[in-house]
Protein backbone atom coordinates (compact mmCIF):
# COMPACT_ATOMS: atom_id res chain seq x y z
CA UNK A 1 -117.55 101.00 -91.36
CA UNK A 2 -118.40 100.22 -87.78
CA UNK A 3 -116.76 101.56 -84.69
CA UNK A 4 -113.12 102.46 -84.80
CA UNK A 5 -112.15 102.10 -81.17
CA UNK A 6 -111.20 98.44 -81.33
CA UNK A 7 -108.72 98.99 -84.14
CA UNK A 8 -106.54 101.76 -82.74
CA UNK A 9 -103.54 99.54 -82.09
CA UNK A 10 -101.86 96.75 -83.96
CA UNK A 11 -102.50 93.16 -82.99
CA UNK A 12 -99.94 92.28 -80.32
CA UNK A 13 -98.01 89.92 -82.57
CA UNK A 14 -97.31 92.74 -85.06
CA UNK A 15 -96.42 95.53 -82.66
CA UNK A 16 -92.81 94.38 -82.53
CA UNK A 17 -92.48 94.34 -86.30
CA UNK A 18 -94.17 97.70 -86.68
CA UNK A 19 -91.91 99.34 -84.08
CA UNK A 20 -88.82 97.78 -85.59
CA UNK A 21 -89.64 98.91 -89.11
CA UNK A 22 -90.50 102.43 -88.00
CA UNK A 23 -87.31 102.59 -85.96
CA UNK A 24 -85.18 101.54 -88.88
CA UNK A 25 -86.79 104.13 -91.13
CA UNK A 26 -86.39 106.82 -88.51
CA UNK A 27 -82.78 106.01 -87.75
CA UNK A 28 -81.49 106.02 -91.31
CA UNK A 29 -80.23 109.59 -91.15
CA UNK A 30 -79.59 109.68 -87.40
CA UNK A 31 -77.24 106.72 -87.53
CA UNK A 32 -75.11 108.43 -90.13
CA UNK A 33 -74.92 111.59 -88.03
CA UNK A 34 -73.96 109.67 -84.89
CA UNK A 35 -71.26 107.75 -86.71
CA UNK A 36 -69.84 110.98 -88.07
CA UNK A 37 -69.81 112.46 -84.56
CA UNK A 38 -67.98 109.46 -83.15
CA UNK A 39 -65.39 109.74 -85.91
CA UNK A 40 -65.08 113.44 -85.29
CA UNK A 41 -64.57 113.04 -81.54
CA UNK A 42 -61.95 110.35 -81.99
CA UNK A 43 -60.20 112.53 -84.60
CA UNK A 44 -60.16 115.58 -82.37
CA UNK A 45 -58.76 113.68 -79.40
CA UNK A 46 -56.11 112.21 -81.62
CA UNK A 47 -55.18 115.66 -82.98
CA UNK A 48 -54.87 117.15 -79.52
CA UNK A 49 -52.69 114.28 -78.28
CA UNK A 50 -50.33 114.61 -81.22
CA UNK A 51 -50.16 118.40 -80.92
CA UNK A 52 -49.28 118.18 -77.18
CA UNK A 53 -46.65 115.51 -77.79
CA UNK A 54 -44.96 117.33 -80.64
CA UNK A 55 -45.32 120.69 -78.86
CA UNK A 56 -42.98 119.39 -76.17
CA UNK A 57 -40.39 118.65 -78.84
CA UNK A 58 -40.55 122.18 -80.17
CA UNK A 59 -42.17 124.41 -82.71
CA UNK A 60 -39.90 123.05 -85.44
CA UNK A 61 -42.05 119.90 -85.80
CA UNK A 62 -45.45 121.55 -85.27
CA UNK A 63 -46.34 121.87 -88.97
CA UNK A 64 -45.52 118.22 -89.68
CA UNK A 65 -47.58 117.03 -86.75
CA UNK A 66 -50.64 118.98 -87.91
CA UNK A 67 -50.39 117.52 -91.40
CA UNK A 68 -50.13 114.00 -90.05
CA UNK A 69 -53.05 114.57 -87.69
CA UNK A 70 -55.21 115.89 -90.52
CA UNK A 71 -54.73 112.77 -92.60
CA UNK A 72 -55.39 110.53 -89.60
CA UNK A 73 -58.65 112.39 -88.98
CA UNK A 74 -59.85 112.05 -92.57
CA UNK A 75 -59.11 108.35 -92.49
CA UNK A 76 -61.04 107.88 -89.27
CA UNK A 77 -64.21 109.62 -90.42
CA UNK A 78 -65.42 107.37 -93.25
CA UNK A 79 -64.45 104.15 -91.52
CA UNK A 80 -66.56 104.98 -88.47
CA UNK A 81 -69.52 106.05 -90.56
CA UNK A 82 -69.40 102.99 -92.75
CA UNK A 83 -69.75 100.69 -89.76
CA UNK A 84 -73.29 101.86 -89.04
CA UNK A 85 -74.96 104.17 -91.54
CA UNK A 86 -73.98 102.16 -94.60
CA UNK A 87 -75.80 99.15 -93.17
CA UNK A 88 -79.05 101.13 -92.96
CA UNK A 89 -78.49 102.66 -96.39
CA UNK A 90 -77.98 99.29 -98.03
CA UNK A 91 -81.00 97.69 -96.37
CA UNK A 92 -83.52 100.50 -96.24
CA UNK A 93 -82.51 103.52 -98.31
CA UNK A 94 -81.16 102.18 -101.56
CA UNK A 95 -83.99 100.89 -103.68
CA UNK A 96 -83.29 97.87 -105.82
CA UNK A 97 -83.35 98.88 -109.49
CA UNK A 98 -85.37 95.83 -110.50
CA UNK A 99 -88.36 96.65 -108.31
CA UNK A 100 -89.95 98.58 -111.17
CA UNK A 101 -89.38 96.07 -114.02
CA UNK A 102 -90.24 92.46 -114.66
CA UNK A 103 -87.45 90.35 -113.13
CA UNK A 104 -87.65 87.72 -115.87
CA UNK A 105 -86.70 89.02 -119.30
CA UNK A 106 -88.61 86.24 -121.06
CA UNK A 107 -91.78 88.15 -120.17
CA UNK A 108 -90.96 90.56 -122.99
CA UNK A 109 -90.95 87.71 -125.51
CA UNK A 110 -94.73 87.34 -125.27
CA UNK A 111 -96.70 89.64 -127.58
CA UNK A 112 -100.48 90.18 -127.91
CA UNK A 113 -102.13 88.40 -130.82
CA UNK A 114 -105.76 87.83 -129.81
CA UNK A 115 -106.92 90.71 -132.04
CA UNK A 116 -106.52 88.46 -135.06
CA UNK A 117 -109.77 87.28 -136.54
CA UNK A 118 -111.00 83.96 -135.26
CA UNK A 119 -110.88 81.39 -138.03
CA UNK A 120 -114.45 80.27 -138.53
CA UNK A 121 -114.91 76.54 -138.40
CA UNK A 122 -116.17 75.55 -141.88
CA UNK A 123 -118.14 72.68 -140.35
CA UNK A 124 -120.38 75.11 -138.48
CA UNK A 125 -123.82 75.65 -140.05
CA UNK A 126 -124.39 79.07 -141.55
CA UNK A 127 -127.87 79.50 -140.06
CA UNK A 128 -128.41 81.24 -136.74
CA UNK A 129 -129.63 78.94 -133.97
CA UNK A 130 -131.35 81.67 -131.94
CA UNK A 131 -130.76 84.46 -129.47
CA UNK A 132 -128.83 84.47 -126.20
CA UNK A 133 -129.84 86.83 -123.40
CA UNK A 134 -127.51 87.34 -120.47
CA UNK A 135 -128.19 88.94 -117.08
CA UNK A 136 -124.82 89.16 -115.34
CA UNK A 137 -124.53 89.52 -111.59
CA UNK A 138 -121.74 90.77 -109.35
CA UNK A 139 -119.61 93.88 -109.70
CA UNK A 140 -117.64 95.33 -112.58
CA UNK A 141 -115.10 92.54 -112.91
CA UNK A 142 -117.51 89.62 -112.50
CA UNK A 143 -119.70 91.20 -115.18
CA UNK A 144 -116.69 91.64 -117.45
CA UNK A 145 -115.86 87.93 -117.22
CA UNK A 146 -119.52 87.02 -117.75
CA UNK A 147 -119.62 89.14 -120.93
CA UNK A 148 -116.53 87.47 -122.38
CA UNK A 149 -117.87 84.03 -121.53
CA UNK A 150 -121.22 84.90 -123.15
CA UNK A 151 -119.39 85.92 -126.35
CA UNK A 152 -117.64 82.55 -126.34
CA UNK A 153 -120.89 80.64 -125.78
CA UNK A 154 -122.63 82.56 -128.59
CA UNK A 155 -119.87 81.46 -130.96
CA UNK A 156 -119.93 77.90 -129.64
CA UNK A 157 -123.72 77.58 -130.16
CA UNK A 158 -123.79 79.68 -133.36
CA UNK A 159 -126.26 82.07 -131.78
CA UNK A 160 -126.84 85.83 -131.78
CA UNK A 161 -125.79 87.52 -128.54
CA UNK A 162 -127.90 90.39 -127.28
CA UNK A 163 -125.78 93.00 -125.45
CA UNK A 164 -125.68 91.71 -121.84
CA UNK A 165 -127.75 93.26 -119.06
CA UNK A 166 -126.21 93.90 -115.66
CA UNK A 167 -128.28 92.90 -112.63
CA UNK A 168 -128.78 95.31 -109.76
CA UNK A 169 -127.23 93.97 -106.57
CA UNK A 170 -128.12 94.91 -102.99
CA UNK A 171 -124.42 94.60 -102.20
CA UNK A 172 -123.05 96.72 -105.07
CA UNK A 173 -126.11 98.99 -105.37
CA UNK A 174 -125.20 100.09 -108.88
CA UNK A 175 -127.84 100.44 -111.64
CA UNK A 176 -125.16 100.87 -114.36
CA UNK A 177 -125.76 98.99 -117.60
CA UNK A 178 -123.32 97.87 -120.30
CA UNK A 179 -123.46 101.17 -122.20
CA UNK A 180 -122.74 103.15 -119.01
CA UNK A 181 -119.37 101.42 -118.66
CA UNK A 182 -118.29 100.13 -122.09
CA UNK A 183 -118.47 101.56 -125.60
CA UNK A 184 -121.29 99.58 -127.22
CA UNK A 185 -120.61 100.46 -130.86
CA UNK A 186 -116.89 99.77 -130.47
CA UNK A 187 -117.67 96.41 -128.82
CA UNK A 188 -119.96 95.37 -131.63
CA UNK A 189 -117.58 96.56 -134.35
CA UNK A 190 -114.57 94.66 -132.96
CA UNK A 191 -116.52 91.39 -132.74
CA UNK A 192 -118.69 91.75 -135.86
CA UNK A 193 -116.67 89.23 -137.89
CA UNK A 194 -116.66 86.67 -135.08
CA UNK A 195 -120.23 86.52 -133.76
CA UNK A 196 -123.64 88.04 -134.41
CA UNK A 197 -124.49 90.85 -131.98
CA UNK A 198 -127.68 92.85 -131.42
CA UNK A 199 -128.63 95.52 -128.91
CA UNK A 200 -132.02 93.90 -128.24
CA UNK A 201 -134.32 91.08 -129.30
CA UNK A 202 -136.31 91.49 -132.54
CA UNK A 203 -139.82 92.96 -132.01
CA UNK A 204 -141.67 89.67 -132.50
CA UNK A 205 -139.74 88.04 -129.62
CA UNK A 206 -139.87 90.81 -127.04
CA UNK A 207 -143.21 89.66 -125.64
CA UNK A 208 -142.00 86.10 -124.99
CA UNK A 209 -142.06 84.88 -121.39
CA UNK A 210 -138.71 83.12 -121.53
CA UNK A 211 -139.13 81.54 -118.10
CA UNK A 212 -142.59 80.21 -118.92
CA UNK A 213 -141.38 78.45 -122.08
CA UNK A 214 -138.53 76.81 -120.15
CA UNK A 215 -135.66 78.72 -121.71
CA UNK A 216 -134.29 80.33 -118.56
CA UNK A 217 -130.91 78.94 -117.49
CA UNK A 218 -129.71 79.43 -113.90
CA UNK A 219 -126.71 78.29 -111.92
CA UNK A 220 -128.69 75.21 -110.94
CA UNK A 221 -128.76 74.12 -114.60
CA UNK A 222 -125.04 74.59 -115.28
CA UNK A 223 -122.25 73.72 -112.89
CA UNK A 224 -119.29 75.96 -112.19
CA UNK A 225 -116.75 76.05 -115.01
CA UNK A 226 -119.02 74.09 -117.33
CA UNK A 227 -117.48 72.61 -120.50
CA UNK A 228 -118.55 73.14 -124.12
CA UNK A 229 -120.10 69.67 -123.98
CA UNK A 230 -122.32 70.79 -121.09
CA UNK A 231 -123.60 73.72 -123.14
CA UNK A 232 -124.27 71.57 -126.18
CA UNK A 233 -126.14 69.04 -124.03
CA UNK A 234 -128.14 71.41 -121.79
CA UNK A 235 -128.50 74.71 -123.65
CA UNK A 236 -128.47 73.95 -127.37
CA UNK A 237 -131.71 71.85 -127.37
CA UNK A 238 -133.59 74.68 -125.65
CA UNK A 239 -132.13 77.22 -128.08
CA UNK A 240 -133.18 75.16 -131.09
CA UNK A 241 -136.64 74.52 -129.64
CA UNK A 242 -137.57 78.07 -128.52
CA UNK A 243 -135.18 80.28 -130.48
CA UNK A 244 -133.98 82.00 -127.31
CA UNK A 245 -132.31 81.23 -123.99
CA UNK A 246 -131.78 83.51 -121.03
CA UNK A 247 -128.78 83.06 -118.72
CA UNK A 248 -130.02 84.54 -115.44
CA UNK A 249 -127.39 85.50 -112.88
CA UNK A 250 -124.69 84.41 -115.29
CA UNK A 251 -121.33 84.18 -113.57
CA UNK A 252 -118.48 81.70 -113.57
CA UNK A 253 -120.22 79.16 -115.81
CA UNK A 254 -117.65 78.44 -118.50
CA UNK A 255 -114.43 76.57 -117.76
CA UNK A 256 -111.05 77.27 -119.35
CA UNK A 257 -110.17 73.75 -120.47
CA UNK A 258 -110.83 71.77 -122.52
CA UNK A 259 -111.78 74.51 -124.95
CA UNK A 260 -111.54 74.79 -128.77
CA UNK A 261 -108.72 77.19 -129.64
CA UNK A 262 -110.96 79.50 -131.69
CA UNK A 263 -113.35 79.92 -128.74
CA UNK A 264 -110.46 80.54 -126.36
CA UNK A 265 -109.01 83.17 -128.69
CA UNK A 266 -112.38 84.88 -128.89
CA UNK A 267 -112.56 85.21 -125.11
CA UNK A 268 -109.15 86.89 -125.14
CA UNK A 269 -110.18 89.19 -127.97
CA UNK A 270 -113.28 90.23 -126.07
CA UNK A 271 -111.49 90.91 -122.79
CA UNK A 272 -108.33 92.61 -124.07
CA UNK A 273 -109.65 94.37 -127.18
CA UNK A 274 -113.44 94.70 -127.40
CA UNK A 275 -114.25 96.01 -123.92
CA UNK A 276 -113.20 99.66 -123.85
CA UNK A 277 -114.43 102.02 -121.16
CA UNK A 278 -116.69 104.88 -122.19
CA UNK A 279 -115.05 108.33 -122.71
CA UNK A 280 -116.41 109.63 -119.40
CA UNK A 281 -114.45 106.95 -117.52
CA UNK A 282 -111.37 107.23 -119.74
CA UNK A 283 -111.17 110.98 -119.23
CA UNK A 284 -111.24 110.85 -115.42
CA UNK A 285 -108.93 107.83 -115.46
CA UNK A 286 -106.43 109.86 -117.47
CA UNK A 287 -106.81 112.74 -115.02
CA UNK A 288 -106.08 110.43 -112.08
CA UNK A 289 -102.87 109.15 -113.64
CA UNK A 290 -101.69 112.61 -114.61
CA UNK A 291 -102.28 113.93 -111.12
CA UNK A 292 -100.29 111.11 -109.59
CA UNK A 293 -97.38 111.57 -111.97
CA UNK A 294 -97.89 115.35 -112.25
CA UNK A 295 -97.14 115.20 -115.95
CA UNK A 296 -98.73 113.78 -119.11
CA UNK A 297 -99.55 110.08 -119.27
CA UNK A 298 -97.14 107.69 -120.93
CA UNK A 299 -97.80 106.43 -124.44
CA UNK A 300 -97.42 102.71 -123.78
CA UNK A 301 -99.70 100.01 -125.19
CA UNK A 302 -101.30 99.75 -121.76
CA UNK A 303 -102.16 103.42 -121.56
CA UNK A 304 -103.39 103.59 -125.15
CA UNK A 305 -105.80 100.71 -124.61
CA UNK A 306 -107.04 102.08 -121.29
CA UNK A 307 -107.29 105.80 -122.05
CA UNK A 308 -107.96 106.03 -125.79
CA UNK A 309 -107.76 109.60 -127.11
CA UNK A 310 -107.36 111.01 -123.61
CA UNK A 311 -103.78 109.81 -123.46
CA UNK A 312 -102.90 112.94 -125.45
CA UNK A 313 -104.68 115.28 -123.03
CA UNK A 314 -102.01 117.61 -121.66
CA UNK A 315 -104.40 120.11 -120.11
CA UNK A 316 -103.17 119.23 -116.62
CA UNK A 317 -99.49 119.13 -117.47
CA UNK A 318 -97.33 120.72 -114.76
CA UNK A 319 -93.83 122.05 -115.38
CA UNK A 320 -92.57 120.67 -112.08
CA UNK A 321 -92.58 116.91 -112.05
CA UNK A 322 -93.95 114.97 -109.12
CA UNK A 323 -93.67 111.23 -108.76
CA UNK A 324 -92.19 109.68 -111.90
CA UNK A 325 -93.33 106.23 -110.78
CA UNK A 326 -96.11 104.94 -108.60
CA UNK A 327 -97.20 101.65 -107.11
CA UNK A 328 -100.87 100.66 -107.11
CA UNK A 329 -102.06 98.43 -104.28
CA UNK A 330 -105.32 96.53 -104.17
CA UNK A 331 -105.65 96.20 -100.40
CA UNK A 332 -108.62 93.84 -100.17
CA UNK A 333 -109.56 94.63 -96.57
CA UNK A 334 -113.16 95.80 -96.86
CA UNK A 335 -115.73 94.60 -94.33
CA UNK A 336 -117.29 92.04 -96.71
CA UNK A 337 -113.94 90.33 -97.23
CA UNK A 338 -113.08 90.51 -93.53
CA UNK A 339 -116.46 89.11 -92.44
CA UNK A 340 -116.51 86.31 -95.02
CA UNK A 341 -113.03 85.14 -94.00
CA UNK A 342 -114.15 84.19 -90.45
CA UNK A 343 -110.78 85.46 -89.22
CA UNK A 344 -110.09 87.74 -86.28
CA UNK A 345 -108.03 90.92 -86.43
CA UNK A 346 -107.35 91.97 -82.87
CA UNK A 347 -110.60 93.82 -82.16
CA UNK A 348 -111.83 91.46 -79.45
CA UNK A 349 -115.47 90.82 -78.60
CA UNK A 350 -116.68 94.07 -80.19
CA UNK A 351 -115.15 93.07 -83.53
CA UNK A 352 -116.60 89.55 -83.33
CA UNK A 353 -120.13 90.89 -82.74
CA UNK A 354 -119.82 93.45 -85.52
CA UNK A 355 -118.63 90.92 -88.12
CA UNK A 356 -121.23 88.34 -87.09
CA UNK A 357 -123.99 90.92 -87.48
CA UNK A 358 -122.68 91.74 -90.96
CA UNK A 359 -122.69 88.02 -91.92
CA UNK A 360 -126.28 87.64 -90.74
CA UNK A 361 -127.37 90.61 -92.88
CA UNK A 362 -125.39 89.87 -96.04
CA UNK A 363 -124.35 86.18 -95.99
CA UNK A 364 -127.33 84.20 -94.57
CA UNK A 365 -126.81 81.26 -96.92
CA UNK A 366 -123.13 81.16 -96.01
CA UNK A 367 -124.05 80.92 -92.32
CA UNK A 368 -126.54 78.13 -93.07
CA UNK A 369 -123.80 76.11 -94.76
CA UNK A 370 -121.52 76.70 -91.77
CA UNK A 371 -124.17 75.34 -89.38
CA UNK A 372 -124.50 72.16 -91.45
CA UNK A 373 -120.75 71.66 -91.54
CA UNK A 374 -119.72 69.51 -88.60
CA UNK A 375 -116.05 70.57 -88.75
CA UNK A 376 -115.26 74.16 -87.86
CA UNK A 377 -111.86 75.81 -88.20
CA UNK A 378 -110.74 78.30 -85.59
CA UNK A 379 -109.65 81.83 -86.60
CA UNK A 380 -106.16 81.01 -85.34
CA UNK A 381 -105.95 77.96 -87.60
CA UNK A 382 -107.30 79.92 -90.57
CA UNK A 383 -104.50 82.44 -90.10
CA UNK A 384 -101.95 79.64 -89.93
CA UNK A 385 -103.26 78.27 -93.24
CA UNK A 386 -102.92 81.70 -94.87
CA UNK A 387 -106.66 82.13 -95.43
CA UNK A 388 -107.01 85.51 -93.73
CA UNK A 389 -106.98 88.80 -95.68
CA UNK A 390 -103.73 90.71 -95.30
CA UNK A 391 -104.09 93.65 -92.95
CA UNK A 392 -102.71 97.05 -93.92
CA UNK A 393 -99.76 96.63 -91.54
CA UNK A 394 -98.91 93.24 -93.04
CA UNK A 395 -99.05 94.70 -96.55
CA UNK A 396 -96.74 97.53 -95.47
CA UNK A 397 -94.22 95.06 -94.07
CA UNK A 398 -94.16 93.14 -97.36
CA UNK A 399 -93.50 96.32 -99.35
CA UNK A 400 -90.79 97.39 -96.89
CA UNK A 401 -89.26 93.91 -97.05
CA UNK A 402 -89.11 94.16 -100.84
CA UNK A 403 -87.21 97.44 -100.53
CA UNK A 404 -89.73 100.10 -101.56
CA UNK A 405 -88.65 103.44 -100.15
CA UNK A 406 -90.67 105.48 -97.70
CA UNK A 407 -91.16 108.15 -100.37
CA UNK A 408 -92.93 105.76 -102.78
CA UNK A 409 -96.27 107.03 -104.08
CA UNK A 410 -98.89 104.36 -103.46
CA UNK A 411 -102.32 104.46 -105.11
CA UNK A 412 -104.80 102.57 -102.94
CA UNK A 413 -107.55 100.89 -104.97
CA UNK A 414 -111.00 100.41 -103.51
CA UNK A 415 -112.16 102.24 -100.43
CA UNK A 416 -113.64 101.83 -96.98
CA UNK A 417 -110.84 99.88 -95.33
CA UNK A 418 -112.31 98.01 -92.37
CA UNK A 419 -111.26 99.86 -89.25
CA UNK A 420 -110.81 103.15 -91.09
CA UNK A 421 -107.93 105.51 -90.41
CA UNK A 422 -106.90 103.80 -87.20
CA UNK A 423 -106.37 100.53 -89.07
CA UNK A 424 -104.47 102.34 -91.83
CA UNK A 425 -102.24 104.27 -89.42
CA UNK A 426 -99.38 101.71 -89.36
CA UNK A 427 -99.36 101.69 -93.17
CA UNK A 428 -99.33 105.46 -93.60
CA UNK A 429 -96.64 105.77 -90.92
CA UNK A 430 -94.33 103.71 -93.12
CA UNK A 431 -95.63 105.07 -96.44
CA UNK A 432 -97.08 108.59 -96.02
CA UNK A 433 -97.62 109.17 -99.77
CA UNK A 434 -100.84 107.15 -99.96
CA UNK A 435 -103.32 108.49 -102.50
CA UNK A 436 -106.83 107.48 -103.60
CA UNK A 437 -109.30 108.62 -106.21
CA UNK A 438 -111.16 110.43 -103.43
CA UNK A 439 -108.07 112.49 -102.52
CA UNK A 440 -106.97 113.13 -106.12
CA UNK A 441 -110.30 114.25 -107.54
CA UNK A 442 -112.41 117.22 -106.56
CA UNK A 443 -115.95 116.78 -105.28
CA UNK A 444 -117.43 117.86 -108.64
CA UNK A 445 -115.12 115.55 -110.62
CA UNK A 446 -116.08 112.56 -108.50
CA UNK A 447 -119.79 113.39 -108.22
CA UNK A 448 -120.93 111.72 -111.52
CA UNK A 449 -119.48 108.41 -110.26
CA UNK A 450 -120.38 108.62 -106.59
CA UNK A 451 -123.41 106.30 -106.56
CA UNK A 452 -122.06 103.93 -109.21
CA UNK A 453 -119.69 101.42 -107.63
CA UNK A 454 -118.89 99.69 -110.94
CA UNK A 455 -117.87 102.96 -112.57
CA UNK A 456 -115.71 103.79 -109.55
CA UNK A 457 -114.18 100.32 -109.86
CA UNK A 458 -113.43 101.09 -113.53
CA UNK A 459 -111.36 104.10 -112.40
CA UNK A 460 -109.43 101.81 -110.06
CA UNK A 461 -108.98 99.31 -112.90
CA UNK A 462 -107.39 101.97 -115.11
CA UNK A 463 -105.14 103.38 -112.38
CA UNK A 464 -103.98 99.94 -111.23
CA UNK A 465 -103.38 98.59 -114.73
CA UNK A 466 -101.41 101.68 -115.74
CA UNK A 467 -99.23 101.71 -112.59
CA UNK A 468 -95.48 101.12 -112.77
CA UNK A 469 -95.93 98.32 -110.23
CA UNK A 470 -99.17 96.62 -109.20
CA UNK A 471 -99.34 94.83 -105.85
CA UNK A 472 -102.22 92.69 -104.64
CA UNK A 473 -102.98 91.17 -101.27
CA UNK A 474 -105.57 88.64 -102.49
CA UNK A 475 -104.85 86.75 -105.70
CA UNK A 476 -108.44 85.45 -105.74
CA UNK A 477 -109.87 88.93 -106.24
CA UNK A 478 -111.42 89.49 -109.68
CA UNK A 479 -110.00 93.01 -109.92
CA UNK A 480 -106.50 91.79 -109.08
CA UNK A 481 -106.77 88.89 -111.53
CA UNK A 482 -108.06 90.99 -114.43
CA UNK A 483 -105.61 93.85 -113.82
CA UNK A 484 -102.63 91.50 -113.62
CA UNK A 485 -103.77 89.79 -116.85
CA UNK A 486 -104.13 93.14 -118.59
CA UNK A 487 -100.61 94.09 -117.52
CA UNK A 488 -99.27 90.76 -118.76
CA UNK A 489 -100.99 91.18 -122.12
CA UNK A 490 -100.00 94.79 -122.84
CA UNK A 491 -97.13 95.53 -120.47
CA UNK A 492 -94.23 93.51 -121.88
CA UNK A 493 -91.52 93.55 -119.22
CA UNK A 494 -92.44 97.03 -117.97
CA UNK A 495 -95.46 96.10 -115.84
CA UNK A 496 -94.48 93.89 -112.90
CA UNK A 497 -97.14 92.47 -110.59
CA UNK A 498 -96.42 91.54 -106.97
CA UNK A 499 -98.48 88.59 -105.77
CA UNK A 500 -97.82 87.18 -102.27
CA UNK A 501 -98.23 83.52 -101.46
CA UNK A 502 -100.43 83.91 -98.40
CA UNK A 503 -99.62 80.49 -96.95
CA UNK A 504 -95.88 81.15 -97.10
CA UNK A 505 -96.32 84.69 -95.87
CA UNK A 506 -98.36 83.48 -92.89
CA UNK A 507 -95.50 81.15 -91.97
CA UNK A 508 -93.00 84.03 -92.19
CA UNK A 509 -95.15 86.37 -90.10
CA UNK A 510 -95.63 83.75 -87.39
CA UNK A 511 -91.91 84.10 -86.68
CA UNK A 512 -92.11 87.85 -86.06
CA UNK A 513 -90.76 87.55 -82.52
CA UNK A 514 -87.57 85.75 -83.55
CA UNK A 515 -86.81 86.42 -87.22
CA UNK A 516 -84.23 89.09 -88.03
CA UNK A 517 -85.12 91.84 -90.49
CA UNK A 518 -82.55 90.83 -93.12
CA UNK A 519 -83.87 87.25 -93.02
CA UNK A 520 -87.43 88.55 -93.38
CA UNK A 521 -86.36 90.53 -96.45
CA UNK A 522 -84.73 87.51 -98.07
CA UNK A 523 -87.76 85.28 -97.58
CA UNK A 524 -90.28 87.91 -98.76
CA UNK A 525 -88.23 88.69 -101.88
CA UNK A 526 -87.93 85.00 -102.71
CA UNK A 527 -91.67 84.48 -102.24
CA UNK A 528 -92.59 87.35 -104.57
CA UNK A 529 -89.93 86.50 -107.15
CA UNK A 530 -91.14 82.93 -107.53
CA UNK A 531 -94.68 84.19 -108.21
CA UNK A 532 -93.38 86.44 -111.03
CA UNK A 533 -91.97 83.69 -113.24
CA UNK A 534 -93.19 84.28 -116.76
CA UNK A 535 -94.52 80.80 -117.43
CA UNK A 536 -97.14 79.71 -119.93
CA UNK A 537 -100.70 79.38 -118.66
CA UNK A 538 -101.21 75.98 -117.07
CA UNK A 539 -104.19 73.74 -117.85
CA UNK A 540 -107.47 74.94 -116.38
CA UNK A 541 -106.16 78.32 -115.23
CA UNK A 542 -107.82 81.60 -116.14
CA UNK A 543 -106.84 83.17 -119.47
CA UNK A 544 -108.04 86.50 -118.10
CA UNK A 545 -105.41 86.32 -115.36
CA UNK A 546 -102.62 84.68 -117.38
CA UNK A 547 -103.03 85.16 -121.13
CA UNK A 548 -99.61 83.65 -121.94
CA UNK A 549 -100.97 80.89 -124.14
CA UNK A 550 -101.02 80.33 -127.94
CA UNK A 551 -104.65 81.46 -128.24
CA UNK A 552 -103.98 84.89 -126.70
CA UNK A 553 -100.31 85.71 -127.16
CA UNK A 554 -97.38 84.62 -129.31
CA UNK A 555 -93.83 84.04 -128.12
CA UNK A 556 -91.03 85.60 -130.18
CA UNK A 557 -87.45 84.40 -129.81
């Protein structure tokens, strides 16, 4: 995590916002009390003046004067209070009712349909063209996308797919394989009518040196977001010649358009139906959700798909309810993201040295490319362009601007926020009910997952996807993209996702010295609302992130 000393205070440009937001939260109740006191003092003075005046006229009119004074006092009290406390209540206490639902009702018109069997193209030959091996790199979510793309390619090339292998990464340091994360038999059963699947190569092919015979495919052989035509041109001849191809380090190597509709539907079916987490992950995922809500998990389509039979587990049911709703936040502010961004976050020279050392250890090729690039962009300009990761304090301001109450339960996905507790302090000051898998689970419950980052990420996937609201700070994150797509596919209009436009948000935050809070709220709400429009997937965009397209979902009027 690095040293914490340089992160103990907010960057200067956000101190004003932080103080203002804290002040407004702290003064909500105090303002009401002060207004009441002012009304009370004015009322009492008025009563005494009337009593003295009418006392001089005689005891005969004393009763009437007291009655009149009483009514004047009661009229004064609410009017004084409304001038101050009601302003705070409207802006900071009352939570908008639509924060927890999709703002656009047309979202509920889209229904899942990718589970339907893919209509086999009758022009395809019936014989099998060979075997496809896949070694997927990256973390949980990159490997998930690679698996779905491999299923699509196997169908495209009429080949048998061997259950993918997951490469060990020095960054992720997780030896987990497919069967440690996903239910193998379930996966094969769901896709059995669509493609041929095997757990391993047949015995007579196991001794083949795939690289030696020229059947190993790397990123150098296929460009990013390759088309079906690229696969038919580059991969199919090797498959027909040698009977096997091996995609080594398989990642983002299949584009989204143009794509035959049956292949596109198969990708959706794989992602949203075939890949179910193993019972070990489902059980602890269910436990996490129940401990947040403090009562049994809901029985929505989302929860059923994520938790399987463990949705009915009421072992941890508590009579006293806790939080009925919770927000999950993927705060992408780990050191790898911070270092790769080339931005600065107020830590001075110590921070710059620490992040540069991290780049040299983990991103040497990235630094080589930077040296060859003649044009360099300053950290200040990167921030202006909206290319810097949102800090915890910036994320807190967005949530406050949207109207989420201080009492909101917030599940924080991931771990190891750069800067540690000192960096998180502004966030937890505004939102003290921050919870993580590490705080919700006991040591023994977490122990089986501790050295398996992908399995830990699967727990975050479940808890984020099942949340009443999911908020992200980086729309380019694979976890955020896949979770938001899952919520779109299964959530109807009950699973809103909050996605900031970082360029627009950067412009708003640059005005922190002059912009008024109510204006900040208006602009933040408008920014988030426009990103929630329930439109159909546009050409070339990820079906995993936005499955609203004819191949994945159907629209009912």
